[in-house]
C-alpha atoms as a PDB file:
ATOM      1  CA  MET A   1     -37.942 212.675 -12.767  1.00  0.00           C
ATOM      2  CA  GLU A   2     -39.325 212.793 -16.035  1.00  0.00           C
ATOM      3  CA  LYS A   3     -40.710 215.420 -17.872  1.00  0.00           C
ATOM      4  CA  ASP A   4     -43.933 215.266 -19.345  1.00  0.00           C
ATOM      5  CA  LYS A   5     -44.784 216.131 -22.820  1.00  0.00           C
ATOM      6  CA  SER A   6     -48.021 217.625 -21.988  1.00  0.00           C
ATOM      7  CA  ILE A   7     -46.123 220.923 -20.838  1.00  0.00           C
ATOM      8  CA  LYS A   8     -43.834 222.338 -23.045  1.00  0.00           C
ATOM      9  CA  TYR A   9     -43.536 225.924 -21.909  1.00  0.00           C
ATOM     10  CA  LEU A  10     -43.470 227.802 -19.227  1.00  0.00           C
ATOM     11  CA  TYR A  11     -44.887 231.629 -19.910  1.00  0.00           C
ATOM     12  CA  HIS A  12     -44.015 234.762 -17.886  1.00  0.00           C
ATOM     13  CA  TYR A  13     -45.968 237.714 -18.269  1.00  0.00           C
ATOM     14  CA  TYR A  14     -44.867 241.119 -17.517  1.00  0.00           C
ATOM     15  CA  GLU A  15     -44.767 244.816 -18.621  1.00  0.00           C
ATOM     16  CA  LYS A  16     -42.277 245.770 -21.409  1.00  0.00           C
ATOM     17  CA  ASP A  17     -40.657 248.839 -20.161  1.00  0.00           C
ATOM     18  CA  ARG A  18     -39.949 247.397 -16.819  1.00  0.00           C
ATOM     19  CA  GLY A  19     -38.409 243.698 -17.610  1.00  0.00           C
ATOM     20  CA  PRO A  20     -39.206 240.291 -16.732  1.00  0.00           C
ATOM     21  CA  PHE A  21     -38.719 238.812 -13.471  1.00  0.00           C
ATOM     22  CA  LEU A  22     -38.843 241.832 -11.032  1.00  0.00           C
ATOM     23  CA  ASN A  23     -40.025 240.493  -8.009  1.00  0.00           C
ATOM     24  CA  LEU A  24     -41.975 242.783  -4.972  1.00  0.00           C
ATOM     25  CA  SER A  25     -41.160 239.591  -2.697  1.00  0.00           C
ATOM     26  CA  ASP A  26     -37.456 240.292  -2.887  1.00  0.00           C
ATOM     27  CA  LEU A  27     -37.828 243.094  -1.184  1.00  0.00           C
ATOM     28  CA  ASP A  28     -38.994 243.871   2.229  1.00  0.00           C
ATOM     29  CA  ILE A  29     -42.734 245.001   2.697  1.00  0.00           C
ATOM     30  CA  PRO A  30     -41.993 248.888   3.160  1.00  0.00           C
ATOM     31  CA  GLN A  31     -39.661 249.139  -0.039  1.00  0.00           C
ATOM     32  CA  ALA A  32     -42.024 246.632  -1.892  1.00  0.00           C
ATOM     33  CA  GLN A  33     -45.242 249.202  -1.116  1.00  0.00           C
ATOM     34  CA  LYS A  34     -43.623 252.095  -2.394  1.00  0.00           C
ATOM     35  CA  ILE A  35     -42.733 250.870  -5.625  1.00  0.00           C
ATOM     36  CA  LEU A  36     -46.429 249.370  -5.535  1.00  0.00           C
ATOM     37  CA  ASP A  37     -47.765 252.706  -5.099  1.00  0.00           C
ATOM     38  CA  ARG A  38     -45.554 254.381  -7.859  1.00  0.00           C
ATOM     39  CA  ILE A  39     -47.098 251.820 -10.503  1.00  0.00           C
ATOM     40  CA  LYS A  40     -50.142 252.405  -9.091  1.00  0.00           C
ATOM     41  CA  GLN A  41     -50.173 255.968  -9.541  1.00  0.00           C
ATOM     42  CA  GLU A  42     -48.514 255.326 -12.922  1.00  0.00           C
ATOM     43  CA  ASN A  43     -51.827 253.506 -13.731  1.00  0.00           C
ATOM     44  CA  LYS A  44     -50.199 250.331 -14.466  1.00  0.00           C
ATOM     45  CA  VAL A  45     -53.240 248.008 -15.152  1.00  0.00           C
ATOM     46  CA  MET A  46     -52.462 245.061 -13.330  1.00  0.00           C
ATOM     47  CA  ALA A  47     -51.317 246.969  -9.966  1.00  0.00           C
ATOM     48  CA  VAL A  48     -54.377 249.184  -9.807  1.00  0.00           C
ATOM     49  CA  HIS A  49     -56.473 246.368  -8.241  1.00  0.00           C
ATOM     50  CA  ARG A  50     -53.976 245.766  -5.483  1.00  0.00           C
ATOM     51  CA  TYR A  51     -55.861 246.191  -1.994  1.00  0.00           C
ATOM     52  CA  LYS A  52     -54.684 247.317   1.390  1.00  0.00           C
ATOM     53  CA  GLY A  53     -52.613 244.262   2.469  1.00  0.00           C
ATOM     54  CA  TYR A  54     -52.129 242.997  -0.485  1.00  0.00           C
ATOM     55  CA  LEU A  55     -48.045 242.462   0.008  1.00  0.00           C
ATOM     56  CA  GLU A  56     -48.607 240.931   3.717  1.00  0.00           C
ATOM     57  CA  ARG A  57     -51.144 238.377   2.367  1.00  0.00           C
ATOM     58  CA  ARG A  58     -48.793 237.645  -0.705  1.00  0.00           C
ATOM     59  CA  LYS A  59     -45.727 236.930   1.605  1.00  0.00           C
ATOM     60  CA  GLU A  60     -47.804 234.931   3.924  1.00  0.00           C
ATOM     61  CA  LEU A  61     -49.086 232.488   1.195  1.00  0.00           C
ATOM     62  CA  GLU A  62     -45.594 232.445  -0.379  1.00  0.00           C
ATOM     63  CA  GLN A  63     -44.267 230.802   2.630  1.00  0.00           C
ATOM     64  CA  MET A  64     -47.245 228.644   3.321  1.00  0.00           C
ATOM     65  CA  ALA A  65     -46.770 227.416  -0.464  1.00  0.00           C
ATOM     66  CA  ARG A  66     -42.897 226.837   0.230  1.00  0.00           C
ATOM     67  CA  GLU A  67     -43.497 224.741   3.568  1.00  0.00           C
ATOM     68  CA  ILE A  68     -46.149 222.885   1.507  1.00  0.00           C
ATOM     69  CA  PHE A  69     -43.576 222.152  -1.469  1.00  0.00           C
ATOM     70  CA  ILE A  70     -40.758 221.302   1.261  1.00  0.00           C
ATOM     71  CA  SER A  71     -43.362 218.541   3.057  1.00  0.00           C
ATOM     72  CA  LYS A  72     -43.686 217.147  -0.544  1.00  0.00           C
ATOM     73  CA  GLY A  73     -40.196 216.434  -1.619  1.00  0.00           C
ATOM     74  CA  GLY A  74     -39.255 220.106  -3.031  1.00  0.00           C
ATOM     75  CA  LYS A  75     -35.711 221.687  -2.874  1.00  0.00           C
ATOM     76  CA  PRO A  76     -36.417 225.156  -3.223  1.00  0.00           C
ATOM     77  CA  VAL A  77     -33.664 227.801  -3.215  1.00  0.00           C
ATOM     78  CA  ARG A  78     -35.171 230.907  -3.188  1.00  0.00           C
ATOM     79  CA  LYS A  79     -37.197 232.002  -0.024  1.00  0.00           C
ATOM     80  CA  SER A  80     -39.862 233.569  -2.340  1.00  0.00           C
ATOM     81  CA  PRO A  81     -40.905 232.504  -5.736  1.00  0.00           C
ATOM     82  CA  HIS A  82     -40.732 234.083  -9.211  1.00  0.00           C
ATOM     83  CA  TYR A  83     -44.096 233.399 -10.963  1.00  0.00           C
ATOM     84  CA  MET A  84     -44.693 231.663 -14.288  1.00  0.00           C
ATOM     85  CA  VAL A  85     -47.734 229.882 -15.603  1.00  0.00           C
ATOM     86  CA  VAL A  86     -47.960 226.744 -17.672  1.00  0.00           C
ATOM     87  CA  GLY A  87     -49.070 227.192 -21.348  1.00  0.00           C
ATOM     88  CA  LYS A  88     -50.013 230.608 -23.223  1.00  0.00           C
ATOM     89  CA  CYS A  89     -52.354 232.781 -21.615  1.00  0.00           C
ATOM     90  CA  ASP A  90     -53.770 235.823 -23.621  1.00  0.00           C
ATOM     91  CA  TRP A  91     -55.768 236.972 -20.240  1.00  0.00           C
ATOM     92  CA  LEU A  92     -52.367 237.866 -18.590  1.00  0.00           C
ATOM     93  CA  GLN A  93     -50.981 240.086 -21.604  1.00  0.00           C
ATOM     94  CA  THR A  94     -53.825 242.600 -20.749  1.00  0.00           C
ATOM     95  CA  TRP A  95     -52.856 242.937 -17.333  1.00  0.00           C
ATOM     96  CA  TYR A  96     -50.096 245.224 -18.974  1.00  0.00           C
ATOM     97  CA  ASN A  97     -49.951 248.654 -20.702  1.00  0.00           C
ATOM     98  CA  GLU A  98     -47.410 246.846 -23.251  1.00  0.00           C
ATOM     99  CA  GLY A  99     -47.379 243.503 -21.729  1.00  0.00           C
ATOM    100  CA  GLU A 100     -44.511 240.708 -23.343  1.00  0.00           C
ATOM    101  CA  TYR A 101     -43.679 237.669 -22.464  1.00  0.00           C
ATOM    102  CA  ILE A 102     -41.121 235.185 -21.976  1.00  0.00           C
ATOM    103  CA  ARG A 103     -41.114 231.456 -22.619  1.00  0.00           C
ATOM    104  CA  ILE A 104     -38.882 228.919 -21.328  1.00  0.00           C
ATOM    105  CA  HIS A 105     -38.787 225.386 -21.944  1.00  0.00           C
ATOM    106  CA  LEU A 106     -39.499 222.794 -19.334  1.00  0.00           C
ATOM    107  CA  SER A 107     -36.079 221.156 -19.981  1.00  0.00           C
ATOM    108  CA  GLN A 108     -34.615 224.352 -18.304  1.00  0.00           C
ATOM    109  CA  PHE A 109     -35.925 223.647 -14.893  1.00  0.00           C
ATOM    110  CA  ASP A 110     -35.140 221.036 -12.125  1.00  0.00           C
ATOM    111  CA  LEU A 111     -38.729 219.747 -11.419  1.00  0.00           C
ATOM    112  CA  ASP A 112     -37.574 219.860  -7.798  1.00  0.00           C
ATOM    113  CA  THR A 113     -37.292 223.617  -7.763  1.00  0.00           C
ATOM    114  CA  ILE A 114     -40.529 224.293  -9.348  1.00  0.00           C
ATOM    115  CA  SER A 115     -44.547 223.704  -7.678  1.00  0.00           C
ATOM    116  CA  PHE A 116     -48.106 224.273  -8.943  1.00  0.00           C
ATOM    117  CA  SER A 117     -51.078 225.656  -8.113  1.00  0.00           C
ATOM    118  CA  TYR A 118     -54.539 225.007 -10.036  1.00  0.00           C
ATOM    119  CA  GLY A 119     -55.209 228.958 -10.244  1.00  0.00           C
ATOM    120  CA  ASP A 120     -53.729 231.554  -8.915  1.00  0.00           C
ATOM    121  CA  MET A 121     -52.515 231.667  -5.139  1.00  0.00           C
ATOM    122  CA  PHE A 122     -54.704 234.314  -3.792  1.00  0.00           C
ATOM    123  CA  PRO A 123     -57.943 232.628  -4.821  1.00  0.00           C
ATOM    124  CA  THR A 124     -56.697 229.240  -4.406  1.00  0.00           C
ATOM    125  CA  PHE A 125     -55.948 229.952  -0.927  1.00  0.00           C
ATOM    126  CA  SER A 126     -58.493 232.474  -0.454  1.00  0.00           C
ATOM    127  CA  PRO A 127     -61.578 231.785   2.406  1.00  0.00           C
ATOM    128  CA  ARG A 128     -63.616 233.183   0.262  1.00  0.00           C
ATOM    129  CA  VAL A 129     -63.654 230.681  -2.710  1.00  0.00           C
ATOM    130  CA  THR A 130     -65.765 228.013  -0.983  1.00  0.00           C
ATOM    131  CA  ASP A 131     -66.816 225.633  -3.854  1.00  0.00           C
ATOM    132  CA  ASN A 132     -64.394 222.612  -2.628  1.00  0.00           C
ATOM    133  CA  LYS A 133     -62.910 221.881  -5.579  1.00  0.00           C
ATOM    134  CA  GLU A 134     -60.576 219.412  -4.996  1.00  0.00           C
ATOM    135  CA  TYR A 135     -57.517 221.962  -6.251  1.00  0.00           C
ATOM    136  CA  ARG A 136     -58.474 224.594  -3.390  1.00  0.00           C
ATOM    137  CA  LYS A 137     -55.506 224.978  -1.074  1.00  0.00           C
ATOM    138  CA  GLN A 138     -53.037 222.883  -2.540  1.00  0.00           C
ATOM    139  CA  ILE A 139     -49.555 223.399  -3.833  1.00  0.00           C
ATOM    140  CA  TYR A 140     -48.503 220.676  -6.303  1.00  0.00           C
ATOM    141  CA  THR A 141     -45.447 219.023  -7.159  1.00  0.00           C
ATOM    142  CA  PHE A 142     -45.206 218.142 -11.096  1.00  0.00           C
ATOM    143  CA  ASN A 143     -46.383 215.074 -10.925  1.00  0.00           C
ATOM    144  CA  GLU A 144     -49.296 215.696  -9.539  1.00  0.00           C
ATOM    145  CA  ILE A 145     -50.364 218.671 -11.150  1.00  0.00           C
ATOM    146  CA  ILE A 146     -50.282 216.773 -14.430  1.00  0.00           C
ATOM    147  CA  LYS A 147     -52.970 214.335 -12.692  1.00  0.00           C
ATOM    148  CA  ILE A 148     -54.857 217.230 -11.889  1.00  0.00           C
ATOM    149  CA  MET A 149     -54.436 218.678 -16.077  1.00  0.00           C
ATOM    150  CA  GLU A 150     -55.381 215.070 -16.887  1.00  0.00           C
ATOM    151  CA  LYS A 151     -58.662 215.624 -15.263  1.00  0.00           C
ATOM    152  CA  TYR A 152     -59.548 219.067 -15.591  1.00  0.00           C
ATOM    153  CA  GLY A 153     -57.573 220.669 -18.690  1.00  0.00           C
ATOM    154  CA  LEU A 154     -55.586 224.416 -18.944  1.00  0.00           C
ATOM    155  CA  PRO A 155     -57.777 226.955 -17.053  1.00  0.00           C
ATOM    156  CA  GLN A 156     -57.529 229.140 -19.834  1.00  0.00           C
ATOM    157  CA  ASP A 157     -59.174 226.740 -22.488  1.00  0.00           C
ATOM    158  CA  TRP A 158     -62.079 226.230 -20.367  1.00  0.00           C
ATOM    159  CA  ASN A 159     -62.474 229.744 -18.559  1.00  0.00           C
ATOM    160  CA  GLN A 160     -60.962 231.943 -20.798  1.00  0.00           C
ATOM    161  CA  ASP A 161     -63.504 234.960 -19.776  1.00  0.00           C
ATOM    162  CA  GLY A 162     -63.471 233.841 -15.628  1.00  0.00           C
ATOM    163  CA  ALA A 163     -67.465 232.852 -15.678  1.00  0.00           C
ATOM    164  CA  PHE A 164     -66.845 229.620 -14.485  1.00  0.00           C
ATOM    165  CA  GLY A 165     -64.602 230.653 -11.404  1.00  0.00           C
ATOM    166  CA  PRO A 166     -61.465 232.290 -10.170  1.00  0.00           C
ATOM    167  CA  GLU A 167     -58.885 229.502 -11.975  1.00  0.00           C
ATOM    168  CA  ARG A 168     -57.478 231.331 -15.556  1.00  0.00           C
ATOM    169  CA  TYR A 169     -54.205 229.574 -15.736  1.00  0.00           C
ATOM    170  CA  ILE A 170     -51.843 226.921 -13.659  1.00  0.00           C
ATOM    171  CA  GLU A 171     -49.800 229.007 -11.444  1.00  0.00           C
ATOM    172  CA  VAL A 172     -46.295 227.834 -11.423  1.00  0.00           C
ATOM    173  CA  GLN A 173     -43.744 229.074  -8.220  1.00  0.00           C
ATOM    174  CA  ILE A 174     -40.335 228.624  -9.538  1.00  0.00           C
ATOM    175  CA  TRP A 175     -38.259 228.455  -6.654  1.00  0.00           C
ATOM    176  CA  ASP A 176     -34.550 228.799  -8.256  1.00  0.00           C
ATOM    177  CA  ASP A 177     -33.278 231.600 -10.283  1.00  0.00           C
ATOM    178  CA  LYS A 178     -30.892 229.605 -12.342  1.00  0.00           C
ATOM    179  CA  PRO A 179     -33.479 228.912 -15.564  1.00  0.00           C
ATOM    180  CA  LEU A 180     -34.413 232.178 -15.375  1.00  0.00           C
ATOM    181  CA  LEU A 181     -31.140 234.139 -15.560  1.00  0.00           C
ATOM    182  CA  ARG A 182     -30.366 231.863 -18.419  1.00  0.00           C
ATOM    183  CA  LYS A 183     -33.432 232.889 -20.398  1.00  0.00           C
ATOM    184  CA  VAL A 184     -33.225 236.643 -19.469  1.00  0.00           C
ATOM    185  CA  LYS A 185     -29.389 236.851 -20.939  1.00  0.00           C
ATOM    186  CA  THR A 186     -30.125 234.751 -24.249  1.00  0.00           C
END
């Protein structure tokens, strides 16, 4: 698979004092809930808005995304993904008290281990979002997301304030730890 030049970097946003690529989905629900509750008590901006049942829905969406990705030829290594976005998204940095980001060049990834949704998976697959846009309820391979990007552009360019819908970035589901471990160690 040839890597398209329109996606150069993937970005991962995180709380500075916690570090990157910490993943609640790697834990069972009770363990993850304890951590989420503690983060909420500390008033960490992003987690304050997580609703009851968030972790269960997240695991459900991740499993669904994995199955769709496999059906399209994807080769996930992990059971649940780490998350990045296509391009820089200043809005995501505001989710954190001291937001930081890591940027990793696309060439570091095996394209068979990354999938995409046009927008965050939660609103993308929400039954409450009923606008029938073609990218709803979809998980894309690299080649497929390039076509969607050519058609619609980056959401953070045309929807910075969320006035035109819930899509604010292109989410990347990273199904392999290897490229992330290389970056974190450097």
